[in-house]
Amino acid sequence: VLSEARECAERGEELEAMVQDVCKPNEFERYMMFI
């Protein structure tokens, strides 16, 4: 489960980078606060 959690965290970081690239700063901040 911890291994799966690490993989999930990596996917989360990739997703975060993508969201940061495409969204406006205030939208990205909403995303980050939600996560």
Full PDB file with SEQRES, HELIX, SHEET, SSBOND, CRYST1, ORIGX, SCALE, CONECT and MASTER records, all heavy atoms in Angstrom:
SEQRES   1 A   35  VAL LEU SER GLU ALA ARG GLU CYS ALA GLU ARG GLY GLU          
SEQRES   2 A   35  GLU LEU GLU ALA MET VAL GLN ASP VAL CYS LYS PRO ASN          
SEQRES   3 A   35  GLU PHE GLU ARG TYR MET MET PHE ILE                          
HELIX    1 AA1 LEU A    2  VAL A   22  1                                  21    
HELIX    2 AA2 PRO A   25  PHE A   34  1                                  10    
CRYST1    1.000    1.000    1.000  90.00  90.00  90.00 P 1           1          
ORIGX1      1.000000  0.000000  0.000000        0.00000                         
ORIGX2      0.000000  1.000000  0.000000        0.00000                         
ORIGX3      0.000000  0.000000  1.000000        0.00000                         
SCALE1      1.000000  0.000000  0.000000        0.00000                         
SCALE2      0.000000  1.000000  0.000000        0.00000                         
SCALE3      0.000000  0.000000  1.000000        0.00000                         
ATOM      1  N   VAL A   1       0.840  -1.201   0.000  1.00  0.00           N  
ATOM      2  CA  VAL A   1       0.000   0.000   0.000  1.00  0.00           C  
ATOM      3  C   VAL A   1       0.877   1.254   0.000  1.00  0.00           C  
ATOM      4  O   VAL A   1       0.585   2.225  -0.709  1.00  0.00           O  
ATOM      5  CB  VAL A   1      -0.992  -0.009   1.178  1.00  0.00           C  
ATOM      6  CG1 VAL A   1      -1.691   1.333   1.333  1.00  0.00           C  
ATOM      7  CG2 VAL A   1      -2.013  -1.116   0.994  1.00  0.00           C  
ATOM      8  N   LEU A   2       1.951   1.242   0.772  1.00  0.00           N  
ATOM      9  CA  LEU A   2       2.859   2.392   0.791  1.00  0.00           C  
ATOM     10  C   LEU A   2       3.515   2.597  -0.566  1.00  0.00           C  
ATOM     11  O   LEU A   2       3.705   3.730  -1.015  1.00  0.00           O  
ATOM     12  CB  LEU A   2       3.920   2.224   1.885  1.00  0.00           C  
ATOM     13  CG  LEU A   2       3.416   2.342   3.321  1.00  0.00           C  
ATOM     14  CD1 LEU A   2       4.526   2.021   4.323  1.00  0.00           C  
ATOM     15  CD2 LEU A   2       2.844   3.730   3.583  1.00  0.00           C  
ATOM     16  N   SER A   3       3.836   1.491  -1.238  1.00  0.00           N  
ATOM     17  CA  SER A   3       4.394   1.573  -2.585  1.00  0.00           C  
ATOM     18  C   SER A   3       3.369   2.182  -3.550  1.00  0.00           C  
ATOM     19  O   SER A   3       3.704   3.052  -4.364  1.00  0.00           O  
ATOM     20  CB  SER A   3       4.815   0.179  -3.054  1.00  0.00           C  
ATOM     21  OG  SER A   3       5.243   0.219  -4.386  1.00  0.00           O  
ATOM     22  N   GLU A   4       2.124   1.733  -3.448  1.00  0.00           N  
ATOM     23  CA  GLU A   4       1.055   2.303  -4.275  1.00  0.00           C  
ATOM     24  C   GLU A   4       0.868   3.781  -3.963  1.00  0.00           C  
ATOM     25  O   GLU A   4       0.611   4.586  -4.868  1.00  0.00           O  
ATOM     26  CB  GLU A   4      -0.259   1.556  -4.043  1.00  0.00           C  
ATOM     27  CG  GLU A   4      -0.296   0.163  -4.623  1.00  0.00           C  
ATOM     28  CD  GLU A   4      -1.616  -0.547  -4.311  1.00  0.00           C  
ATOM     29  OE1 GLU A   4      -2.680   0.106  -4.403  1.00  0.00           O  
ATOM     30  OE2 GLU A   4      -1.566  -1.741  -3.981  1.00  0.00           O  
ATOM     31  N   ALA A   5       0.985   4.146  -2.695  1.00  0.00           N  
ATOM     32  CA  ALA A   5       0.836   5.550  -2.291  1.00  0.00           C  
ATOM     33  C   ALA A   5       1.953   6.405  -2.896  1.00  0.00           C  
ATOM     34  O   ALA A   5       1.704   7.545  -3.313  1.00  0.00           O  
ATOM     35  CB  ALA A   5       0.823   5.674  -0.770  1.00  0.00           C  
ATOM     36  N   ARG A   6       3.167   5.850  -2.954  1.00  0.00           N  
ATOM     37  CA  ARG A   6       4.276   6.590  -3.574  1.00  0.00           C  
ATOM     38  C   ARG A   6       4.006   6.787  -5.067  1.00  0.00           C  
ATOM     39  O   ARG A   6       4.228   7.876  -5.605  1.00  0.00           O  
ATOM     40  CB  ARG A   6       5.600   5.869  -3.346  1.00  0.00           C  
ATOM     41  CG  ARG A   6       6.153   6.035  -1.927  1.00  0.00           C  
ATOM     42  CD  ARG A   6       7.563   5.482  -1.785  1.00  0.00           C  
ATOM     43  NE  ARG A   6       7.625   4.032  -1.900  1.00  0.00           N  
ATOM     44  CZ  ARG A   6       7.428   3.182  -0.905  1.00  0.00           C  
ATOM     45  NH1 ARG A   6       7.126   3.630   0.301  1.00  0.00           N  
ATOM     46  NH2 ARG A   6       7.519   1.875  -1.096  1.00  0.00           N  
ATOM     47  N   GLU A   7       3.516   5.739  -5.730  1.00  0.00           N  
ATOM     48  CA  GLU A   7       3.182   5.850  -7.159  1.00  0.00           C  
ATOM     49  C   GLU A   7       2.077   6.881  -7.364  1.00  0.00           C  
ATOM     50  O   GLU A   7       2.121   7.674  -8.312  1.00  0.00           O  
ATOM     51  CB  GLU A   7       2.743   4.499  -7.711  1.00  0.00           C  
ATOM     52  CG  GLU A   7       3.851   3.485  -7.835  1.00  0.00           C  
ATOM     53  CD  GLU A   7       3.340   2.092  -8.227  1.00  0.00           C  
ATOM     54  OE1 GLU A   7       2.191   1.977  -8.704  1.00  0.00           O  
ATOM     55  OE2 GLU A   7       4.114   1.130  -8.049  1.00  0.00           O  
ATOM     56  N   CYS A   8       1.088   6.865  -6.494  1.00  0.00           N  
ATOM     57  CA  CYS A   8      -0.018   7.821  -6.572  1.00  0.00           C  
ATOM     58  C   CYS A   8       0.511   9.248  -6.376  1.00  0.00           C  
ATOM     59  O   CYS A   8       0.086  10.176  -7.077  1.00  0.00           O  
ATOM     60  CB  CYS A   8      -1.082   7.480  -5.530  1.00  0.00           C  
ATOM     61  SG  CYS A   8      -2.542   8.538  -5.576  1.00  0.00           S  
ATOM     62  N   ALA A   9       1.423   9.424  -5.446  1.00  0.00           N  
ATOM     63  CA  ALA A   9       2.014  10.745  -5.205  1.00  0.00           C  
ATOM     64  C   ALA A   9       2.774  11.228  -6.440  1.00  0.00           C  
ATOM     65  O   ALA A   9       2.713  12.420  -6.788  1.00  0.00           O  
ATOM     66  CB  ALA A   9       2.936  10.703  -3.986  1.00  0.00           C  
ATOM     67  N   GLU A  10       3.466  10.315  -7.107  1.00  0.00           N  
ATOM     68  CA  GLU A  10       4.175  10.682  -8.348  1.00  0.00           C  
ATOM     69  C   GLU A  10       3.180  11.118  -9.417  1.00  0.00           C  
ATOM     70  O   GLU A  10       3.404  12.122 -10.115  1.00  0.00           O  
ATOM     71  CB  GLU A  10       5.027   9.515  -8.851  1.00  0.00           C  
ATOM     72  CG  GLU A  10       6.242   9.236  -7.993  1.00  0.00           C  
ATOM     73  CD  GLU A  10       6.968   7.939  -8.398  1.00  0.00           C  
ATOM     74  OE1 GLU A  10       6.636   7.361  -9.459  1.00  0.00           O  
ATOM     75  OE2 GLU A  10       7.856   7.521  -7.631  1.00  0.00           O  
ATOM     76  N   ARG A  11       2.080  10.359  -9.561  1.00  0.00           N  
ATOM     77  CA  ARG A  11       1.034  10.753 -10.522  1.00  0.00           C  
ATOM     78  C   ARG A  11       0.461  12.110 -10.144  1.00  0.00           C  
ATOM     79  O   ARG A  11       0.171  12.939 -11.008  1.00  0.00           O  
ATOM     80  CB  ARG A  11      -0.068   9.707 -10.586  1.00  0.00           C  
ATOM     81  CG  ARG A  11       0.307   8.475 -11.387  1.00  0.00           C  
ATOM     82  CD  ARG A  11      -0.897   7.612 -11.733  1.00  0.00           C  
ATOM     83  NE  ARG A  11      -1.682   7.171 -10.586  1.00  0.00           N  
ATOM     84  CZ  ARG A  11      -1.411   6.104  -9.840  1.00  0.00           C  
ATOM     85  NH1 ARG A  11      -0.354   5.360 -10.111  1.00  0.00           N  
ATOM     86  NH2 ARG A  11      -2.190   5.777  -8.830  1.00  0.00           N  
ATOM     87  N   GLY A  12       0.313  12.334  -8.840  1.00  0.00           N  
ATOM     88  CA  GLY A  12      -0.188  13.616  -8.364  1.00  0.00           C  
ATOM     89  C   GLY A  12       0.736  14.764  -8.720  1.00  0.00           C  
ATOM     90  O   GLY A  12       0.267  15.851  -9.099  1.00  0.00           O  
ATOM     91  N   GLU A  13       2.038  14.536  -8.621  1.00  0.00           N  
ATOM     92  CA  GLU A  13       3.008  15.575  -8.977  1.00  0.00           C  
ATOM     93  C   GLU A  13       2.956  15.873 -10.477  1.00  0.00           C  
ATOM     94  O   GLU A  13       3.043  17.039 -10.884  1.00  0.00           O  
ATOM     95  CB  GLU A  13       4.421  15.155  -8.556  1.00  0.00           C  
ATOM     96  CG  GLU A  13       4.619  15.178  -7.051  1.00  0.00           C  
ATOM     97  CD  GLU A  13       5.945  14.559  -6.615  1.00  0.00           C  
ATOM     98  OE1 GLU A  13       6.789  14.237  -7.486  1.00  0.00           O  
ATOM     99  OE2 GLU A  13       6.137  14.392  -5.395  1.00  0.00           O  
ATOM    100  N   GLU A  14       2.822  14.813 -11.281  1.00  0.00           N  
ATOM    101  CA  GLU A  14       2.710  15.006 -12.727  1.00  0.00           C  
ATOM    102  C   GLU A  14       1.442  15.785 -13.059  1.00  0.00           C  
ATOM    103  O   GLU A  14       1.458  16.712 -13.881  1.00  0.00           O  
ATOM    104  CB  GLU A  14       2.696  13.652 -13.447  1.00  0.00           C  
ATOM    105  CG  GLU A  14       3.993  12.895 -13.360  1.00  0.00           C  
ATOM    106  CD  GLU A  14       3.864  11.422 -13.759  1.00  0.00           C  
ATOM    107  OE1 GLU A  14       2.762  11.007 -14.187  1.00  0.00           O  
ATOM    108  OE2 GLU A  14       4.875  10.702 -13.635  1.00  0.00           O  
ATOM    109  N   LEU A  15       0.349  15.419 -12.416  1.00  0.00           N  
ATOM    110  CA  LEU A  15      -0.924  16.100 -12.620  1.00  0.00           C  
ATOM    111  C   LEU A  15      -0.832  17.559 -12.179  1.00  0.00           C  
ATOM    112  O   LEU A  15      -1.311  18.464 -12.871  1.00  0.00           O  
ATOM    113  CB  LEU A  15      -2.015  15.362 -11.842  1.00  0.00           C  
ATOM    114  CG  LEU A  15      -3.454  15.752 -12.080  1.00  0.00           C  
ATOM    115  CD1 LEU A  15      -3.843  15.561 -13.544  1.00  0.00           C  
ATOM    116  CD2 LEU A  15      -4.373  14.913 -11.205  1.00  0.00           C  
ATOM    117  N   GLU A  16      -0.190  17.781 -11.052  1.00  0.00           N  
ATOM    118  CA  GLU A  16      -0.008  19.145 -10.543  1.00  0.00           C  
ATOM    119  C   GLU A  16       0.741  20.012 -11.548  1.00  0.00           C  
ATOM    120  O   GLU A  16       0.347  21.158 -11.817  1.00  0.00           O  
ATOM    121  CB  GLU A  16       0.760  19.089  -9.223  1.00  0.00           C  
ATOM    122  CG  GLU A  16       1.040  20.427  -8.599  1.00  0.00           C  
ATOM    123  CD  GLU A  16       1.860  20.298  -7.324  1.00  0.00           C  
ATOM    124  OE1 GLU A  16       1.673  19.324  -6.567  1.00  0.00           O  
ATOM    125  OE2 GLU A  16       2.697  21.192  -7.085  1.00  0.00           O  
ATOM    126  N   ALA A  17       1.812  19.471 -12.124  1.00  0.00           N  
ATOM    127  CA  ALA A  17       2.593  20.226 -13.105  1.00  0.00           C  
ATOM    128  C   ALA A  17       1.744  20.548 -14.338  1.00  0.00           C  
ATOM    129  O   ALA A  17       1.795  21.676 -14.853  1.00  0.00           O  
ATOM    130  CB  ALA A  17       3.838  19.434 -13.501  1.00  0.00           C  
ATOM    131  N   MET A  18       0.965  19.584 -14.779  1.00  0.00           N  
ATOM    132  CA  MET A  18       0.112  19.795 -15.939  1.00  0.00           C  
ATOM    133  C   MET A  18      -0.939  20.867 -15.639  1.00  0.00           C  
ATOM    134  O   MET A  18      -1.169  21.768 -16.441  1.00  0.00           O  
ATOM    135  CB  MET A  18      -0.562  18.490 -16.358  1.00  0.00           C  
ATOM    136  CG  MET A  18      -1.453  18.636 -17.570  1.00  0.00           C  
ATOM    137  SD  MET A  18      -2.206  17.096 -18.103  1.00  0.00           S  
ATOM    138  CE  MET A  18      -3.093  16.587 -16.642  1.00  0.00           C  
ATOM    139  N   VAL A  19      -1.577  20.769 -14.472  1.00  0.00           N  
ATOM    140  CA  VAL A  19      -2.598  21.742 -14.093  1.00  0.00           C  
ATOM    141  C   VAL A  19      -1.991  23.136 -13.980  1.00  0.00           C  
ATOM    142  O   VAL A  19      -2.587  24.123 -14.433  1.00  0.00           O  
ATOM    143  CB  VAL A  19      -3.296  21.313 -12.779  1.00  0.00           C  
ATOM    144  CG1 VAL A  19      -4.177  22.417 -12.227  1.00  0.00           C  
ATOM    145  CG2 VAL A  19      -4.118  20.041 -13.004  1.00  0.00           C  
ATOM    146  N   GLN A  20      -0.815  23.211 -13.435  1.00  0.00           N  
ATOM    147  CA  GLN A  20      -0.150  24.512 -13.302  1.00  0.00           C  
ATOM    148  C   GLN A  20       0.135  25.109 -14.676  1.00  0.00           C  
ATOM    149  O   GLN A  20       0.008  26.323 -14.867  1.00  0.00           O  
ATOM    150  CB  GLN A  20       1.150  24.383 -12.505  1.00  0.00           C  
ATOM    151  CG  GLN A  20       1.791  25.717 -12.198  1.00  0.00           C  
ATOM    152  CD  GLN A  20       2.957  25.598 -11.249  1.00  0.00           C  
ATOM    153  OE1 GLN A  20       3.561  24.527 -11.118  1.00  0.00           O  
ATOM    154  NE2 GLN A  20       3.292  26.680 -10.581  1.00  0.00           N  
ATOM    155  N   ASP A  21       0.489  24.264 -15.638  1.00  0.00           N  
ATOM    156  CA  ASP A  21       0.784  24.733 -16.995  1.00  0.00           C  
ATOM    157  C   ASP A  21      -0.446  25.283 -17.705  1.00  0.00           C  
ATOM    158  O   ASP A  21      -0.349  26.244 -18.458  1.00  0.00           O  
ATOM    159  CB  ASP A  21       1.386  23.606 -17.850  1.00  0.00           C  
ATOM    160  CG  ASP A  21       2.819  23.286 -17.473  1.00  0.00           C  
ATOM    161  OD1 ASP A  21       3.467  24.117 -16.791  1.00  0.00           O  
ATOM    162  OD2 ASP A  21       3.301  22.208 -17.871  1.00  0.00           O  
ATOM    163  N   VAL A  22      -1.612  24.666 -17.478  1.00  0.00           N  
ATOM    164  CA  VAL A  22      -2.797  25.036 -18.272  1.00  0.00           C  
ATOM    165  C   VAL A  22      -3.756  25.997 -17.576  1.00  0.00           C  
ATOM    166  O   VAL A  22      -4.518  26.684 -18.243  1.00  0.00           O  
ATOM    167  CB  VAL A  22      -3.571  23.775 -18.744  1.00  0.00           C  
ATOM    168  CG1 VAL A  22      -2.697  22.904 -19.628  1.00  0.00           C  
ATOM    169  CG2 VAL A  22      -4.149  22.988 -17.587  1.00  0.00           C  
ATOM    170  N   CYS A  23      -3.738  26.050 -16.264  1.00  0.00           N  
ATOM    171  CA  CYS A  23      -4.711  26.861 -15.528  1.00  0.00           C  
ATOM    172  C   CYS A  23      -4.157  28.242 -15.180  1.00  0.00           C  
ATOM    173  O   CYS A  23      -2.951  28.453 -15.141  1.00  0.00           O  
ATOM    174  CB  CYS A  23      -5.120  26.174 -14.230  1.00  0.00           C  
ATOM    175  SG  CYS A  23      -6.156  24.729 -14.470  1.00  0.00           S  
ATOM    176  N   LYS A  24      -5.075  29.140 -14.890  1.00  0.00           N  
ATOM    177  CA  LYS A  24      -4.705  30.455 -14.366  1.00  0.00           C  
ATOM    178  C   LYS A  24      -4.202  30.262 -12.937  1.00  0.00           C  
ATOM    179  O   LYS A  24      -4.578  29.297 -12.268  1.00  0.00           O  
ATOM    180  CB  LYS A  24      -5.929  31.373 -14.371  1.00  0.00           C  
ATOM    181  CG  LYS A  24      -6.483  31.643 -15.744  1.00  0.00           C  
ATOM    182  CD  LYS A  24      -7.772  32.431 -15.649  1.00  0.00           C  
ATOM    183  CE  LYS A  24      -8.424  32.536 -17.017  1.00  0.00           C  
ATOM    184  NZ  LYS A  24      -9.810  33.020 -16.943  1.00  0.00           N  
ATOM    185  N   PRO A  25      -3.372  31.188 -12.449  1.00  0.00           N  
ATOM    186  CA  PRO A  25      -2.823  31.028 -11.089  1.00  0.00           C  
ATOM    187  C   PRO A  25      -3.883  30.835  -9.998  1.00  0.00           C  
ATOM    188  O   PRO A  25      -3.712  29.992  -9.116  1.00  0.00           O  
ATOM    189  CB  PRO A  25      -2.032  32.322 -10.869  1.00  0.00           C  
ATOM    190  CG  PRO A  25      -1.642  32.750 -12.245  1.00  0.00           C  
ATOM    191  CD  PRO A  25      -2.793  32.346 -13.137  1.00  0.00           C  
ATOM    192  N   ASN A  26      -4.981  31.588 -10.057  1.00  0.00           N  
ATOM    193  CA  ASN A  26      -5.997  31.442  -9.010  1.00  0.00           C  
ATOM    194  C   ASN A  26      -6.703  30.079  -9.119  1.00  0.00           C  
ATOM    195  O   ASN A  26      -7.093  29.496  -8.105  1.00  0.00           O  
ATOM    196  CB  ASN A  26      -7.004  32.588  -9.050  1.00  0.00           C  
ATOM    197  CG  ASN A  26      -7.809  32.624 -10.342  1.00  0.00           C  
ATOM    198  OD1 ASN A  26      -7.307  32.284 -11.417  1.00  0.00           O  
ATOM    199  ND2 ASN A  26      -9.046  33.057 -10.241  1.00  0.00           N  
ATOM    200  N   GLU A  27      -6.847  29.562 -10.332  1.00  0.00           N  
ATOM    201  CA  GLU A  27      -7.453  28.242 -10.519  1.00  0.00           C  
ATOM    202  C   GLU A  27      -6.512  27.144 -10.018  1.00  0.00           C  
ATOM    203  O   GLU A  27      -6.946  26.185  -9.382  1.00  0.00           O  
ATOM    204  CB  GLU A  27      -7.785  28.009 -12.000  1.00  0.00           C  
ATOM    205  CG  GLU A  27      -8.857  28.937 -12.520  1.00  0.00           C  
ATOM    206  CD  GLU A  27      -9.014  28.898 -14.027  1.00  0.00           C  
ATOM    207  OE1 GLU A  27      -8.007  28.644 -14.736  1.00  0.00           O  
ATOM    208  OE2 GLU A  27     -10.140  29.112 -14.507  1.00  0.00           O  
ATOM    209  N   PHE A  28      -5.238  27.321 -10.299  1.00  0.00           N  
ATOM    210  CA  PHE A  28      -4.242  26.364  -9.818  1.00  0.00           C  
ATOM    211  C   PHE A  28      -4.221  26.361  -8.294  1.00  0.00           C  
ATOM    212  O   PHE A  28      -4.137  25.290  -7.666  1.00  0.00           O  
ATOM    213  CB  PHE A  28      -2.852  26.698 -10.370  1.00  0.00           C  
ATOM    214  CG  PHE A  28      -1.768  25.816  -9.838  1.00  0.00           C  
ATOM    215  CD1 PHE A  28      -1.727  24.472 -10.162  1.00  0.00           C  
ATOM    216  CD2 PHE A  28      -0.795  26.321  -8.990  1.00  0.00           C  
ATOM    217  CE1 PHE A  28      -0.723  23.635  -9.654  1.00  0.00           C  
ATOM    218  CE2 PHE A  28       0.201  25.502  -8.481  1.00  0.00           C  
ATOM    219  CZ  PHE A  28       0.234  24.157  -8.815  1.00  0.00           C  
ATOM    220  N   GLU A  29      -4.339  27.535  -7.685  1.00  0.00           N  
ATOM    221  CA  GLU A  29      -4.356  27.626  -6.228  1.00  0.00           C  
ATOM    222  C   GLU A  29      -5.574  26.890  -5.656  1.00  0.00           C  
ATOM    223  O   GLU A  29      -5.466  26.188  -4.651  1.00  0.00           O  
ATOM    224  CB  GLU A  29      -4.381  29.088  -5.795  1.00  0.00           C  
ATOM    225  CG  GLU A  29      -4.207  29.275  -4.307  1.00  0.00           C  
ATOM    226  CD  GLU A  29      -4.117  30.740  -3.920  1.00  0.00           C  
ATOM    227  OE1 GLU A  29      -3.484  31.525  -4.647  1.00  0.00           O  
ATOM    228  OE2 GLU A  29      -4.695  31.087  -2.874  1.00  0.00           O  
ATOM    229  N   ARG A  30      -6.727  27.016  -6.305  1.00  0.00           N  
ATOM    230  CA  ARG A  30      -7.922  26.282  -5.871  1.00  0.00           C  
ATOM    231  C   ARG A  30      -7.686  24.779  -5.946  1.00  0.00           C  
ATOM    232  O   ARG A  30      -8.085  24.029  -5.051  1.00  0.00           O  
ATOM    233  CB  ARG A  30      -9.114  26.631  -6.768  1.00  0.00           C  
ATOM    234  CG  ARG A  30      -9.827  27.866  -6.370  1.00  0.00           C  
ATOM    235  CD  ARG A  30     -11.051  27.989  -7.220  1.00  0.00           C  
ATOM    236  NE  ARG A  30     -12.189  28.174  -6.356  1.00  0.00           N  
ATOM    237  CZ  ARG A  30     -13.300  28.749  -6.734  1.00  0.00           C  
ATOM    238  NH1 ARG A  30     -13.437  29.171  -7.967  1.00  0.00           N  
ATOM    239  NH2 ARG A  30     -14.283  28.887  -5.894  1.00  0.00           N  
ATOM    240  N   TYR A  31      -7.058  24.354  -7.031  1.00  0.00           N  
ATOM    241  CA  TYR A  31      -6.749  22.930  -7.202  1.00  0.00           C  
ATOM    242  C   TYR A  31      -5.850  22.460  -6.067  1.00  0.00           C  
ATOM    243  O   TYR A  31      -6.119  21.427  -5.436  1.00  0.00           O  
ATOM    244  CB  TYR A  31      -6.076  22.696  -8.564  1.00  0.00           C  
ATOM    245  CG  TYR A  31      -5.472  21.331  -8.701  1.00  0.00           C  
ATOM    246  CD1 TYR A  31      -6.260  20.238  -9.053  1.00  0.00           C  
ATOM    247  CD2 TYR A  31      -4.119  21.116  -8.464  1.00  0.00           C  
ATOM    248  CE1 TYR A  31      -5.718  18.968  -9.168  1.00  0.00           C  
ATOM    249  CE2 TYR A  31      -3.565  19.847  -8.575  1.00  0.00           C  
ATOM    250  CZ  TYR A  31      -4.360  18.785  -8.920  1.00  0.00           C  
ATOM    251  OH  TYR A  31      -3.828  17.518  -9.020  1.00  0.00           O  
ATOM    252  N   MET A  32      -4.781  23.197  -5.803  1.00  0.00           N  
ATOM    253  CA  MET A  32      -3.825  22.802  -4.774  1.00  0.00           C  
ATOM    254  C   MET A  32      -4.469  22.783  -3.386  1.00  0.00           C  
ATOM    255  O   MET A  32      -4.192  21.889  -2.588  1.00  0.00           O  
ATOM    256  CB  MET A  32      -2.605  23.740  -4.780  1.00  0.00           C  
ATOM    257  CG  MET A  32      -1.725  23.580  -6.012  1.00  0.00           C  
ATOM    258  SD  MET A  32      -1.127  21.886  -6.247  1.00  0.00           S  
ATOM    259  CE  MET A  32      -0.091  21.700  -4.807  1.00  0.00           C  
ATOM    260  N   MET A  33      -5.318  23.752  -3.109  1.00  0.00           N  
ATOM    261  CA  MET A  33      -5.992  23.781  -1.807  1.00  0.00           C  
ATOM    262  C   MET A  33      -6.914  22.567  -1.673  1.00  0.00           C  
ATOM    263  O   MET A  33      -6.967  21.938  -0.615  1.00  0.00           O  
ATOM    264  CB  MET A  33      -6.780  25.077  -1.634  1.00  0.00           C  
ATOM    265  CG  MET A  33      -5.890  26.271  -1.335  1.00  0.00           C  
ATOM    266  SD  MET A  33      -6.809  27.811  -1.137  1.00  0.00           S  
ATOM    267  CE  MET A  33      -7.886  27.395   0.209  1.00  0.00           C  
ATOM    268  N   PHE A  34      -7.620  22.241  -2.751  1.00  0.00           N  
ATOM    269  CA  PHE A  34      -8.505  21.080  -2.708  1.00  0.00           C  
ATOM    270  C   PHE A  34      -7.703  19.803  -2.453  1.00  0.00           C  
ATOM    271  O   PHE A  34      -8.052  19.013  -1.567  1.00  0.00           O  
ATOM    272  CB  PHE A  34      -9.311  20.939  -4.009  1.00  0.00           C  
ATOM    273  CG  PHE A  34      -9.919  19.573  -4.150  1.00  0.00           C  
ATOM    274  CD1 PHE A  34     -10.990  19.195  -3.348  1.00  0.00           C  
ATOM    275  CD2 PHE A  34      -9.390  18.654  -5.040  1.00  0.00           C  
ATOM    276  CE1 PHE A  34     -11.536  17.922  -3.445  1.00  0.00           C  
ATOM    277  CE2 PHE A  34      -9.935  17.378  -5.138  1.00  0.00           C  
ATOM    278  CZ  PHE A  34     -11.000  17.011  -4.346  1.00  0.00           C  
ATOM    279  N   ILE A  35      -6.624  19.586  -3.187  1.00  0.00           N  
ATOM    280  CA  ILE A  35      -5.822  18.363  -3.035  1.00  0.00           C  
ATOM    281  C   ILE A  35      -5.250  18.281  -1.618  1.00  0.00           C  
ATOM    282  O   ILE A  35      -5.272  17.221  -0.994  1.00  0.00           O  
ATOM    283  CB  ILE A  35      -4.702  18.296  -4.098  1.00  0.00           C  
ATOM    284  CG1 ILE A  35      -5.298  18.146  -5.507  1.00  0.00           C  
ATOM    285  CG2 ILE A  35      -3.722  17.163  -3.799  1.00  0.00           C  
ATOM    286  CD1 ILE A  35      -6.103  16.880  -5.735  1.00  0.00           C  
TER     287      ILE A  35                                                      
MASTER        0    0    0    2    0    0    0    6  286    1    0    3          
END                                                                             
